[in-house]
Amino acid sequence: MTIRVVLADDQPLVRSGLRVLMADHPDLQVVGEAATGDEAVQLVEDVDPDIVVMDIRMPGADGIEATRRITAGPAAARVLILTTFDEDDHVYGALRAGASGFVVKDMALDDILAAIRVVAAGDALIAPGVTRRLIADFAGRPTAAAQRPVRALDGITEREREVLTLIGRGRSNTEIAEDLFITVATAKSHVSRLITKLGARDRVQLVITAYEAGLVTPY
């Protein structure tokens, strides 16, 4: 299957570099480029991509606002944030806006391509090290934990609550299985049910829910 990609970055050199890089991979096809957040939103409507690789700082509507508009719309496109800025407020803002992944430009090129494939496949990905910073950042927001009351977790079982807590700590399905002495397949089933019950877009949104429900604390 070919993954249709829109590149959104205000630097032509970055877009050109990514386009050339993807040209060597037949499963990746660049179907459009945008220099602003507004252009990215319009392109999603026009070409219906599978994924938007989105910078944060762009003229006009920035990448966070563009992500919010794309994920709130009818399009099925998913958003992978790719930026040089990995400060906590940008990470948190992007994920709250509905992004399914967050990687930084100084990662290895193969890792960036892998992230595109992961997010396009319906999974979620956050660059290594970002999860802990997210937890610390969230802890510094005194009103944030109250934004999603306990009712947001109504209908989930105690086991699912345990799984959600581990997801919030950045644990993989394999690690969750080891921690809870269950099979990987069972861990995956719990994750899928949590996504359905909590109305989450993907695993990243479960991480945010875990923070906002007070299940995860800094460590």
C-alpha atoms as a PDB file:
ATOM      1  CA  MET A   1       0.000   0.000   0.000  1.00  0.00           C
ATOM      2  CA  THR A   2       1.276   3.462  -0.894  1.00  0.00           C
ATOM      3  CA  ILE A   3       1.159   6.047   1.890  1.00  0.00           C
ATOM      4  CA  ARG A   4       0.046   9.434   0.563  1.00  0.00           C
ATOM      5  CA  VAL A   5       1.906  12.214   2.331  1.00  0.00           C
ATOM      6  CA  VAL A   6       1.480  15.984   2.575  1.00  0.00           C
ATOM      7  CA  LEU A   7       4.561  17.915   3.720  1.00  0.00           C
ATOM      8  CA  ALA A   8       3.812  21.081   5.701  1.00  0.00           C
ATOM      9  CA  ASP A   9       6.850  23.215   6.525  1.00  0.00           C
ATOM     10  CA  ASP A  10       7.618  26.870   5.843  1.00  0.00           C
ATOM     11  CA  GLN A  11      11.189  26.036   4.792  1.00  0.00           C
ATOM     12  CA  PRO A  12      11.371  24.918   1.129  1.00  0.00           C
ATOM     13  CA  LEU A  13      14.703  23.206   1.762  1.00  0.00           C
ATOM     14  CA  VAL A  14      13.161  20.964   4.419  1.00  0.00           C
ATOM     15  CA  ARG A  15      10.248  20.021   2.177  1.00  0.00           C
ATOM     16  CA  SER A  16      12.597  19.367  -0.738  1.00  0.00           C
ATOM     17  CA  GLY A  17      14.866  17.191   1.389  1.00  0.00           C
ATOM     18  CA  LEU A  18      11.988  15.103   2.671  1.00  0.00           C
ATOM     19  CA  ARG A  19      10.508  14.754  -0.809  1.00  0.00           C
ATOM     20  CA  VAL A  20      13.827  13.547  -2.250  1.00  0.00           C
ATOM     21  CA  LEU A  21      14.259  11.149   0.673  1.00  0.00           C
ATOM     22  CA  MET A  22      10.813   9.642   0.194  1.00  0.00           C
ATOM     23  CA  ALA A  23      11.319   9.288  -3.557  1.00  0.00           C
ATOM     24  CA  ASP A  24      13.634   6.373  -2.829  1.00  0.00           C
ATOM     25  CA  HIS A  25      10.854   4.545  -1.006  1.00  0.00           C
ATOM     26  CA  PRO A  26       8.044   3.273  -3.258  1.00  0.00           C
ATOM     27  CA  ASP A  27       5.602   2.942  -0.365  1.00  0.00           C
ATOM     28  CA  LEU A  28       5.741   6.709   0.289  1.00  0.00           C
ATOM     29  CA  GLN A  29       4.268   9.251  -2.127  1.00  0.00           C
ATOM     30  CA  VAL A  30       4.329  13.019  -1.586  1.00  0.00           C
ATOM     31  CA  VAL A  31       1.008  14.310  -2.922  1.00  0.00           C
ATOM     32  CA  GLY A  32       1.309  17.927  -1.846  1.00  0.00           C
ATOM     33  CA  GLU A  33       3.370  20.561  -0.052  1.00  0.00           C
ATOM     34  CA  ALA A  34       2.297  23.460   2.154  1.00  0.00           C
ATOM     35  CA  ALA A  35       4.228  26.424   3.519  1.00  0.00           C
ATOM     36  CA  THR A  36       1.562  27.497   6.035  1.00  0.00           C
ATOM     37  CA  GLY A  37      -0.940  25.858   8.322  1.00  0.00           C
ATOM     38  CA  ASP A  38      -3.830  27.225   6.262  1.00  0.00           C
ATOM     39  CA  GLU A  39      -2.371  25.697   3.096  1.00  0.00           C
ATOM     40  CA  ALA A  40      -1.992  22.360   4.879  1.00  0.00           C
ATOM     41  CA  VAL A  41      -5.650  22.336   5.912  1.00  0.00           C
ATOM     42  CA  GLN A  42      -6.734  23.152   2.358  1.00  0.00           C
ATOM     43  CA  LEU A  43      -4.460  20.490   0.886  1.00  0.00           C
ATOM     44  CA  VAL A  44      -5.979  17.842   3.126  1.00  0.00           C
ATOM     45  CA  GLU A  45      -9.379  18.747   1.726  1.00  0.00           C
ATOM     46  CA  ASP A  46      -8.081  18.752  -1.852  1.00  0.00           C
ATOM     47  CA  VAL A  47      -5.889  15.641  -2.047  1.00  0.00           C
ATOM     48  CA  ASP A  48      -7.097  13.470   0.883  1.00  0.00           C
ATOM     49  CA  PRO A  49      -3.692  12.247   2.118  1.00  0.00           C
ATOM     50  CA  ASP A  50      -3.090   9.459   4.606  1.00  0.00           C
ATOM     51  CA  ILE A  51      -0.723  11.537   6.711  1.00  0.00           C
ATOM     52  CA  VAL A  52       0.441  15.126   7.107  1.00  0.00           C
ATOM     53  CA  VAL A  53       4.027  15.667   8.233  1.00  0.00           C
ATOM     54  CA  MET A  54       3.579  18.969  10.047  1.00  0.00           C
ATOM     55  CA  ASP A  55       6.007  21.589  11.309  1.00  0.00           C
ATOM     56  CA  ILE A  56       4.840  23.694  14.256  1.00  0.00           C
ATOM     57  CA  ARG A  57       6.119  27.192  13.578  1.00  0.00           C
ATOM     58  CA  MET A  58       4.680  28.456  10.300  1.00  0.00           C
ATOM     59  CA  PRO A  59       3.199  31.788   9.158  1.00  0.00           C
ATOM     60  CA  GLY A  60      -0.492  32.372   9.808  1.00  0.00           C
ATOM     61  CA  ALA A  61      -2.113  29.337  11.388  1.00  0.00           C
ATOM     62  CA  ASP A  62       0.699  27.392  13.025  1.00  0.00           C
ATOM     63  CA  GLY A  63       1.060  23.622  12.965  1.00  0.00           C
ATOM     64  CA  ILE A  64      -0.884  23.142  16.188  1.00  0.00           C
ATOM     65  CA  GLU A  65      -3.892  25.097  14.929  1.00  0.00           C
ATOM     66  CA  ALA A  66      -3.705  23.339  11.554  1.00  0.00           C
ATOM     67  CA  THR A  67      -3.583  19.969  13.321  1.00  0.00           C
ATOM     68  CA  ARG A  68      -6.635  20.884  15.378  1.00  0.00           C
ATOM     69  CA  ARG A  69      -8.596  21.807  12.255  1.00  0.00           C
ATOM     70  CA  ILE A  70      -7.531  18.714  10.319  1.00  0.00           C
ATOM     71  CA  THR A  71      -8.320  16.217  13.084  1.00  0.00           C
ATOM     72  CA  ALA A  72     -11.640  17.909  13.851  1.00  0.00           C
ATOM     73  CA  GLY A  73     -12.728  17.678  10.221  1.00  0.00           C
ATOM     74  CA  PRO A  74     -14.160  14.786   8.203  1.00  0.00           C
ATOM     75  CA  ALA A  75     -10.826  13.814   6.611  1.00  0.00           C
ATOM     76  CA  ALA A  76      -9.131  10.610   7.711  1.00  0.00           C
ATOM     77  CA  ALA A  77      -5.649  12.133   7.527  1.00  0.00           C
ATOM     78  CA  ARG A  78      -3.429  11.657  10.552  1.00  0.00           C
ATOM     79  CA  VAL A  79      -0.818  14.175  11.663  1.00  0.00           C
ATOM     80  CA  LEU A  80       2.820  13.563  12.539  1.00  0.00           C
ATOM     81  CA  ILE A  81       4.525  16.589  14.054  1.00  0.00           C
ATOM     82  CA  LEU A  82       8.103  16.983  12.774  1.00  0.00           C
ATOM     83  CA  THR A  83       9.875  19.982  14.235  1.00  0.00           C
ATOM     84  CA  THR A  84      13.126  21.347  15.574  1.00  0.00           C
ATOM     85  CA  PHE A  85      11.239  22.520  18.639  1.00  0.00           C
ATOM     86  CA  ASP A  86      10.729  19.887  21.331  1.00  0.00           C
ATOM     87  CA  GLU A  87       9.837  22.165  24.229  1.00  0.00           C
ATOM     88  CA  ASP A  88       7.125  20.765  26.507  1.00  0.00           C
ATOM     89  CA  ASP A  89       4.441  23.279  25.590  1.00  0.00           C
ATOM     90  CA  HIS A  90       4.737  22.410  21.911  1.00  0.00           C
ATOM     91  CA  VAL A  91       4.573  18.677  22.563  1.00  0.00           C
ATOM     92  CA  TYR A  92       1.554  18.984  24.812  1.00  0.00           C
ATOM     93  CA  GLY A  93      -0.227  21.430  22.510  1.00  0.00           C
ATOM     94  CA  ALA A  94       0.333  19.277  19.438  1.00  0.00           C
ATOM     95  CA  LEU A  95      -0.905  16.090  21.071  1.00  0.00           C
ATOM     96  CA  ARG A  96      -3.926  17.822  22.598  1.00  0.00           C
ATOM     97  CA  ALA A  97      -4.729  19.152  19.126  1.00  0.00           C
ATOM     98  CA  GLY A  98      -5.003  15.582  17.870  1.00  0.00           C
ATOM     99  CA  ALA A  99      -1.566  14.747  16.477  1.00  0.00           C
ATOM    100  CA  SER A 100      -0.783  11.042  16.417  1.00  0.00           C
ATOM    101  CA  GLY A 101       2.952  11.446  16.744  1.00  0.00           C
ATOM    102  CA  PHE A 102       5.746  13.838  17.587  1.00  0.00           C
ATOM    103  CA  VAL A 103       9.310  13.561  16.294  1.00  0.00           C
ATOM    104  CA  VAL A 104      12.153  16.041  16.020  1.00  0.00           C
ATOM    105  CA  LYS A 105      14.220  16.865  12.952  1.00  0.00           C
ATOM    106  CA  ASP A 106      17.518  15.792  14.456  1.00  0.00           C
ATOM    107  CA  MET A 107      16.364  12.163  14.541  1.00  0.00           C
ATOM    108  CA  ALA A 108      17.915   9.731  12.058  1.00  0.00           C
ATOM    109  CA  LEU A 109      16.200   9.906   8.673  1.00  0.00           C
ATOM    110  CA  ASP A 110      15.306   6.219   8.800  1.00  0.00           C
ATOM    111  CA  ASP A 111      13.580   6.822  12.148  1.00  0.00           C
ATOM    112  CA  ILE A 112      11.553   9.678  10.656  1.00  0.00           C
ATOM    113  CA  LEU A 113      10.418   7.457   7.783  1.00  0.00           C
ATOM    114  CA  ALA A 114       9.590   4.701  10.259  1.00  0.00           C
ATOM    115  CA  ALA A 115       7.495   7.182  12.262  1.00  0.00           C
ATOM    116  CA  ILE A 116       5.558   8.125   9.133  1.00  0.00           C
ATOM    117  CA  ARG A 117       4.766   4.472   8.491  1.00  0.00           C
ATOM    118  CA  VAL A 118       3.789   3.817  12.107  1.00  0.00           C
ATOM    119  CA  VAL A 119       1.373   6.743  12.266  1.00  0.00           C
ATOM    120  CA  ALA A 120      -0.069   6.056   8.822  1.00  0.00           C
ATOM    121  CA  ALA A 121      -0.779   2.476   9.929  1.00  0.00           C
ATOM    122  CA  GLY A 122      -3.035   3.777  12.677  1.00  0.00           C
ATOM    123  CA  ASP A 123      -0.616   3.570  15.565  1.00  0.00           C
ATOM    124  CA  ALA A 124       0.887   6.418  17.554  1.00  0.00           C
ATOM    125  CA  LEU A 125       4.454   7.431  18.183  1.00  0.00           C
ATOM    126  CA  ILE A 126       6.226   9.908  20.431  1.00  0.00           C
ATOM    127  CA  ALA A 127       9.955  10.486  20.145  1.00  0.00           C
ATOM    128  CA  PRO A 128      12.036   8.827  22.880  1.00  0.00           C
ATOM    129  CA  GLY A 129      12.287  10.925  25.997  1.00  0.00           C
ATOM    130  CA  VAL A 130       9.217  13.032  25.270  1.00  0.00           C
ATOM    131  CA  THR A 131       6.824  11.050  27.475  1.00  0.00           C
ATOM    132  CA  ARG A 132       8.668  11.881  30.693  1.00  0.00           C
ATOM    133  CA  ARG A 133       8.823  15.554  29.782  1.00  0.00           C
ATOM    134  CA  LEU A 134       5.097  15.466  29.093  1.00  0.00           C
ATOM    135  CA  ILE A 135       4.458  14.085  32.577  1.00  0.00           C
ATOM    136  CA  ALA A 136       6.617  16.749  34.198  1.00  0.00           C
ATOM    137  CA  ASP A 137       5.002  19.453  32.091  1.00  0.00           C
ATOM    138  CA  PHE A 138       1.505  18.301  32.973  1.00  0.00           C
ATOM    139  CA  ALA A 139       2.383  18.276  36.667  1.00  0.00           C
ATOM    140  CA  GLY A 140       3.127  21.985  36.380  1.00  0.00           C
ATOM    141  CA  ARG A 141      -0.390  22.774  35.175  1.00  0.00           C
ATOM    142  CA  PRO A 142      -2.427  23.051  38.388  1.00  0.00           C
ATOM    143  CA  THR A 143      -5.791  23.202  36.669  1.00  0.00           C
ATOM    144  CA  ALA A 144      -5.122  20.620  33.985  1.00  0.00           C
ATOM    145  CA  ALA A 145      -5.877  17.555  36.078  1.00  0.00           C
ATOM    146  CA  ALA A 146      -9.329  18.909  36.820  1.00  0.00           C
ATOM    147  CA  GLN A 147     -10.211  19.387  33.155  1.00  0.00           C
ATOM    148  CA  ARG A 148     -11.166  15.750  32.713  1.00  0.00           C
ATOM    149  CA  PRO A 149     -13.168  14.558  35.734  1.00  0.00           C
ATOM    150  CA  VAL A 150     -13.419  10.951  36.868  1.00  0.00           C
ATOM    151  CA  ARG A 151     -16.512  10.481  34.725  1.00  0.00           C
ATOM    152  CA  ALA A 152     -14.156  10.414  31.716  1.00  0.00           C
ATOM    153  CA  LEU A 153     -13.135   6.960  32.934  1.00  0.00           C
ATOM    154  CA  ASP A 154     -16.639   5.672  33.561  1.00  0.00           C
ATOM    155  CA  GLY A 155     -17.217   2.213  32.116  1.00  0.00           C
ATOM    156  CA  ILE A 156     -13.669   0.924  32.221  1.00  0.00           C
ATOM    157  CA  THR A 157     -12.658  -2.012  34.360  1.00  0.00           C
ATOM    158  CA  GLU A 158     -10.001  -2.003  37.054  1.00  0.00           C
ATOM    159  CA  ARG A 159      -7.686  -3.939  34.740  1.00  0.00           C
ATOM    160  CA  GLU A 160      -8.255  -1.405  31.987  1.00  0.00           C
ATOM    161  CA  ARG A 161      -7.421   1.361  34.455  1.00  0.00           C
ATOM    162  CA  GLU A 162      -4.135  -0.403  35.185  1.00  0.00           C
ATOM    163  CA  VAL A 163      -3.413  -0.667  31.469  1.00  0.00           C
ATOM    164  CA  LEU A 164      -4.259   3.003  30.944  1.00  0.00           C
ATOM    165  CA  THR A 165      -1.860   3.963  33.720  1.00  0.00           C
ATOM    166  CA  LEU A 166       0.930   2.007  32.074  1.00  0.00           C
ATOM    167  CA  ILE A 167       0.138   3.536  28.685  1.00  0.00           C
ATOM    168  CA  GLY A 168       0.455   6.957  30.311  1.00  0.00           C
ATOM    169  CA  ARG A 169       3.907   5.975  31.511  1.00  0.00           C
ATOM    170  CA  GLY A 170       4.950   5.257  27.939  1.00  0.00           C
ATOM    171  CA  ARG A 171       4.925   1.471  28.239  1.00  0.00           C
ATOM    172  CA  SER A 172       4.655  -0.631  25.081  1.00  0.00           C
ATOM    173  CA  ASN A 173       2.191  -3.503  24.729  1.00  0.00           C
ATOM    174  CA  THR A 174       4.996  -5.971  25.409  1.00  0.00           C
ATOM    175  CA  GLU A 175       6.003  -4.113  28.576  1.00  0.00           C
ATOM    176  CA  ILE A 176       2.385  -3.886  29.717  1.00  0.00           C
ATOM    177  CA  ALA A 177       2.052  -7.633  29.247  1.00  0.00           C
ATOM    178  CA  GLU A 178       5.172  -8.253  31.318  1.00  0.00           C
ATOM    179  CA  ASP A 179       4.094  -5.862  34.090  1.00  0.00           C
ATOM    180  CA  LEU A 180       0.615  -7.363  34.401  1.00  0.00           C
ATOM    181  CA  PHE A 181       1.553 -11.003  33.692  1.00  0.00           C
ATOM    182  CA  ILE A 182      -0.746 -11.216  30.678  1.00  0.00           C
ATOM    183  CA  THR A 183      -0.129 -12.049  27.025  1.00  0.00           C
ATOM    184  CA  VAL A 184       0.762  -9.376  24.466  1.00  0.00           C
ATOM    185  CA  ALA A 185      -2.454 -10.201  22.605  1.00  0.00           C
ATOM    186  CA  THR A 186      -4.463  -9.538  25.777  1.00  0.00           C
ATOM    187  CA  ALA A 187      -2.623  -6.248  26.300  1.00  0.00           C
ATOM    188  CA  LYS A 188      -3.478  -5.212  22.743  1.00  0.00           C
ATOM    189  CA  SER A 189      -7.132  -6.089  23.356  1.00  0.00           C
ATOM    190  CA  HIS A 190      -7.224  -3.925  26.477  1.00  0.00           C
ATOM    191  CA  VAL A 191      -5.701  -1.012  24.544  1.00  0.00           C
ATOM    192  CA  SER A 192      -8.250  -1.385  21.743  1.00  0.00           C
ATOM    193  CA  ARG A 193     -11.135  -1.460  24.209  1.00  0.00           C
ATOM    194  CA  LEU A 194      -9.815   1.629  25.992  1.00  0.00           C
ATOM    195  CA  ILE A 195      -9.642   3.527  22.699  1.00  0.00           C
ATOM    196  CA  THR A 196     -13.260   2.590  21.995  1.00  0.00           C
ATOM    197  CA  LYS A 197     -14.628   3.221  25.489  1.00  0.00           C
ATOM    198  CA  LEU A 198     -12.869   6.556  25.995  1.00  0.00           C
ATOM    199  CA  GLY A 199     -13.482   7.811  22.464  1.00  0.00           C
ATOM    200  CA  ALA A 200      -9.759   8.278  21.905  1.00  0.00           C
ATOM    201  CA  ARG A 201      -8.332   8.789  18.436  1.00  0.00           C
ATOM    202  CA  ASP A 202      -5.339   6.571  19.137  1.00  0.00           C
ATOM    203  CA  ARG A 203      -2.789   5.550  21.746  1.00  0.00           C
ATOM    204  CA  VAL A 204      -1.391   9.083  22.079  1.00  0.00           C
ATOM    205  CA  GLN A 205      -4.800  10.329  23.134  1.00  0.00           C
ATOM    206  CA  LEU A 206      -4.913   7.585  25.770  1.00  0.00           C
ATOM    207  CA  VAL A 207      -1.634   8.978  27.147  1.00  0.00           C
ATOM    208  CA  ILE A 208      -3.223  12.411  27.449  1.00  0.00           C
ATOM    209  CA  THR A 209      -6.330  10.922  29.099  1.00  0.00           C
ATOM    210  CA  ALA A 210      -4.135   9.139  31.653  1.00  0.00           C
ATOM    211  CA  TYR A 211      -2.467  12.450  32.546  1.00  0.00           C
ATOM    212  CA  GLU A 212      -5.702  14.347  32.802  1.00  0.00           C
ATOM    213  CA  ALA A 213      -7.357  11.666  34.906  1.00  0.00           C
ATOM    214  CA  GLY A 214      -4.509  11.863  37.418  1.00  0.00           C
ATOM    215  CA  LEU A 215      -3.350   8.291  36.797  1.00  0.00           C
ATOM    216  CA  VAL A 216       0.217   9.332  36.025  1.00  0.00           C
ATOM    217  CA  THR A 217       2.529  11.377  38.190  1.00  0.00           C
ATOM    218  CA  PRO A 218       6.091  12.629  37.615  1.00  0.00           C
ATOM    219  CA  TYR A 219       8.917  10.236  38.253  1.00  0.00           C
END
